[in-house]
Amino acid sequence: MSHAFANGLEISGKAVHANTIADFPDTCFTPPENPATPPGVPIPYPSFGFASDTEKGTGTVKIGGQNVNIKNKSDLSRPSGTEAACPATKDSITSNNTG
């Protein structure tokens, strides 16, 4: 597939064969050493993922017949890199970590 660009930047989406390597920071709570301190210690982790795992992409704009990422709205369905983190508490913004 040829590359699609907008404003000089390559567009990311399901049809693109690209990956995210060590995107920083993905700050997650991590279980501390004893004595435990709820909810844990916030630690920045590198995030890894593939553009082909796009979720919540465009509905009508397509490249190669597939959805395109929307800035600050699209997610990757199978990111990795936060496996050591623990789920967030009820007052947290998110609790999406893999592992």
C-alpha atoms as a PDB file:
ATOM      1  CA  MET A   1       0.000   0.000   0.000  1.00  0.00           C
ATOM      2  CA  SER A   2       1.228   3.513  -0.735  1.00  0.00           C
ATOM      3  CA  HIS A   3       1.537   6.002   2.097  1.00  0.00           C
ATOM      4  CA  ALA A   4      -1.118   8.663   2.781  1.00  0.00           C
ATOM      5  CA  PHE A   5      -0.059  12.049   4.166  1.00  0.00           C
ATOM      6  CA  ALA A   6      -1.853  15.101   5.594  1.00  0.00           C
ATOM      7  CA  ASN A   7      -0.018  18.304   6.519  1.00  0.00           C
ATOM      8  CA  GLY A   8       3.286  16.516   5.903  1.00  0.00           C
ATOM      9  CA  LEU A   9       2.560  13.723   8.410  1.00  0.00           C
ATOM     10  CA  GLU A  10       1.735  10.104   7.618  1.00  0.00           C
ATOM     11  CA  ILE A  11      -1.849   9.158   8.501  1.00  0.00           C
ATOM     12  CA  SER A  12      -2.360   6.290  10.946  1.00  0.00           C
ATOM     13  CA  GLY A  13      -5.186   3.769  10.736  1.00  0.00           C
ATOM     14  CA  LYS A  14      -6.148   0.097  10.380  1.00  0.00           C
ATOM     15  CA  ALA A  15      -4.754  -0.208   6.834  1.00  0.00           C
ATOM     16  CA  VAL A  16      -1.357   1.253   7.784  1.00  0.00           C
ATOM     17  CA  HIS A  17       1.481  -1.153   8.562  1.00  0.00           C
ATOM     18  CA  ALA A  18       3.025   0.926  11.356  1.00  0.00           C
ATOM     19  CA  ASN A  19       3.675   0.483  15.035  1.00  0.00           C
ATOM     20  CA  THR A  20       4.205   2.600  18.120  1.00  0.00           C
ATOM     21  CA  ILE A  21       7.500   1.907  19.854  1.00  0.00           C
ATOM     22  CA  ALA A  22       8.079   3.131  23.422  1.00  0.00           C
ATOM     23  CA  ASP A  23       5.576   5.985  23.403  1.00  0.00           C
ATOM     24  CA  PHE A  24       6.047   7.897  26.700  1.00  0.00           C
ATOM     25  CA  PRO A  25       4.578   8.476  29.201  1.00  0.00           C
ATOM     26  CA  ASP A  26       1.765   6.067  29.949  1.00  0.00           C
ATOM     27  CA  THR A  27       1.612   6.669  33.699  1.00  0.00           C
ATOM     28  CA  CYS A  28       0.040   3.818  35.666  1.00  0.00           C
ATOM     29  CA  PHE A  29      -0.135   2.917  39.334  1.00  0.00           C
ATOM     30  CA  THR A  30       2.355   0.214  40.278  1.00  0.00           C
ATOM     31  CA  PRO A  31       2.216  -1.915  43.426  1.00  0.00           C
ATOM     32  CA  PRO A  32       4.826  -0.548  45.855  1.00  0.00           C
ATOM     33  CA  GLU A  33       7.108  -2.543  48.115  1.00  0.00           C
ATOM     34  CA  ASN A  34       5.989  -3.193  51.698  1.00  0.00           C
ATOM     35  CA  PRO A  35       4.380  -1.451  53.451  1.00  0.00           C
ATOM     36  CA  ALA A  36       1.823  -1.112  50.669  1.00  0.00           C
ATOM     37  CA  THR A  37       0.479   2.375  49.999  1.00  0.00           C
ATOM     38  CA  PRO A  38      -2.868   2.465  48.228  1.00  0.00           C
ATOM     39  CA  PRO A  39      -3.371   2.823  45.324  1.00  0.00           C
ATOM     40  CA  GLY A  40       0.304   2.343  44.480  1.00  0.00           C
ATOM     41  CA  VAL A  41       3.058   4.487  43.021  1.00  0.00           C
ATOM     42  CA  PRO A  42       2.515   6.312  39.688  1.00  0.00           C
ATOM     43  CA  ILE A  43       5.260   5.229  37.275  1.00  0.00           C
ATOM     44  CA  PRO A  44       5.606   6.146  33.572  1.00  0.00           C
ATOM     45  CA  TYR A  45       5.724   3.102  31.283  1.00  0.00           C
ATOM     46  CA  PRO A  46       6.570   2.880  27.574  1.00  0.00           C
ATOM     47  CA  SER A  47       3.588   2.010  25.408  1.00  0.00           C
ATOM     48  CA  PHE A  48       3.726  -0.258  22.344  1.00  0.00           C
ATOM     49  CA  GLY A  49       1.024  -0.935  19.758  1.00  0.00           C
ATOM     50  CA  PHE A  50       0.086  -1.430  16.107  1.00  0.00           C
ATOM     51  CA  ALA A  51      -1.911   0.963  13.913  1.00  0.00           C
ATOM     52  CA  SER A  52      -3.864  -2.044  12.617  1.00  0.00           C
ATOM     53  CA  ASP A  53      -5.414  -2.382  16.117  1.00  0.00           C
ATOM     54  CA  THR A  54      -7.262   0.957  15.815  1.00  0.00           C
ATOM     55  CA  GLU A  55     -10.579   1.287  17.685  1.00  0.00           C
ATOM     56  CA  LYS A  56     -12.995   4.232  17.585  1.00  0.00           C
ATOM     57  CA  GLY A  57     -11.669   5.356  14.210  1.00  0.00           C
ATOM     58  CA  THR A  58     -13.440   7.374  11.552  1.00  0.00           C
ATOM     59  CA  GLY A  59     -16.821   6.195  10.319  1.00  0.00           C
ATOM     60  CA  THR A  60     -16.817   7.673   6.821  1.00  0.00           C
ATOM     61  CA  VAL A  61     -13.201   8.605   6.019  1.00  0.00           C
ATOM     62  CA  LYS A  62     -11.317   5.492   4.896  1.00  0.00           C
ATOM     63  CA  ILE A  63      -7.828   4.682   3.639  1.00  0.00           C
ATOM     64  CA  GLY A  64      -7.437   1.311   1.974  1.00  0.00           C
ATOM     65  CA  GLY A  65     -11.067   0.611   2.906  1.00  0.00           C
ATOM     66  CA  GLN A  66     -10.241   0.809   6.634  1.00  0.00           C
ATOM     67  CA  ASN A  67     -10.889   3.296   9.470  1.00  0.00           C
ATOM     68  CA  VAL A  68      -8.435   6.122  10.155  1.00  0.00           C
ATOM     69  CA  ASN A  69      -7.289   7.204  13.636  1.00  0.00           C
ATOM     70  CA  ILE A  70      -8.847  10.332  15.136  1.00  0.00           C
ATOM     71  CA  LYS A  71      -6.443  12.484  17.166  1.00  0.00           C
ATOM     72  CA  ASN A  72      -7.080  12.175  20.932  1.00  0.00           C
ATOM     73  CA  LYS A  73     -10.126   9.889  20.355  1.00  0.00           C
ATOM     74  CA  SER A  74      -8.957   6.630  18.775  1.00  0.00           C
ATOM     75  CA  ASP A  75      -7.514   3.808  20.865  1.00  0.00           C
ATOM     76  CA  LEU A  76      -5.444   0.728  20.122  1.00  0.00           C
ATOM     77  CA  SER A  77      -7.240  -2.492  21.064  1.00  0.00           C
ATOM     78  CA  ARG A  78      -4.115  -4.387  22.176  1.00  0.00           C
ATOM     79  CA  PRO A  79      -1.465  -2.024  23.564  1.00  0.00           C
ATOM     80  CA  SER A  80       1.345  -3.470  25.650  1.00  0.00           C
ATOM     81  CA  GLY A  81       3.970  -2.167  28.038  1.00  0.00           C
ATOM     82  CA  THR A  82       1.902  -1.604  31.192  1.00  0.00           C
ATOM     83  CA  GLU A  83       1.719  -5.227  32.333  1.00  0.00           C
ATOM     84  CA  ALA A  84       3.486  -4.478  35.645  1.00  0.00           C
ATOM     85  CA  ALA A  85       0.875  -1.886  36.630  1.00  0.00           C
ATOM     86  CA  CYS A  86      -2.168  -2.560  38.793  1.00  0.00           C
ATOM     87  CA  PRO A  87      -5.773  -1.549  38.024  1.00  0.00           C
ATOM     88  CA  ALA A  88      -6.639   2.007  38.981  1.00  0.00           C
ATOM     89  CA  THR A  89      -8.918   2.861  41.896  1.00  0.00           C
ATOM     90  CA  LYS A  90     -12.498   4.111  41.522  1.00  0.00           C
ATOM     91  CA  ASP A  91     -11.505   7.819  41.453  1.00  0.00           C
ATOM     92  CA  SER A  92      -8.983   7.363  38.632  1.00  0.00           C
ATOM     93  CA  ILE A  93      -9.436   8.509  35.073  1.00  0.00           C
ATOM     94  CA  THR A  94      -8.684   5.141  33.474  1.00  0.00           C
ATOM     95  CA  SER A  95      -7.866   1.564  34.387  1.00  0.00           C
ATOM     96  CA  ASN A  96      -6.919   0.178  30.983  1.00  0.00           C
ATOM     97  CA  ASN A  97      -3.682  -1.712  31.432  1.00  0.00           C
ATOM     98  CA  THR A  98      -2.676  -4.990  29.843  1.00  0.00           C
ATOM     99  CA  GLY A  99      -1.566  -8.083  31.636  1.00  0.00           C
END
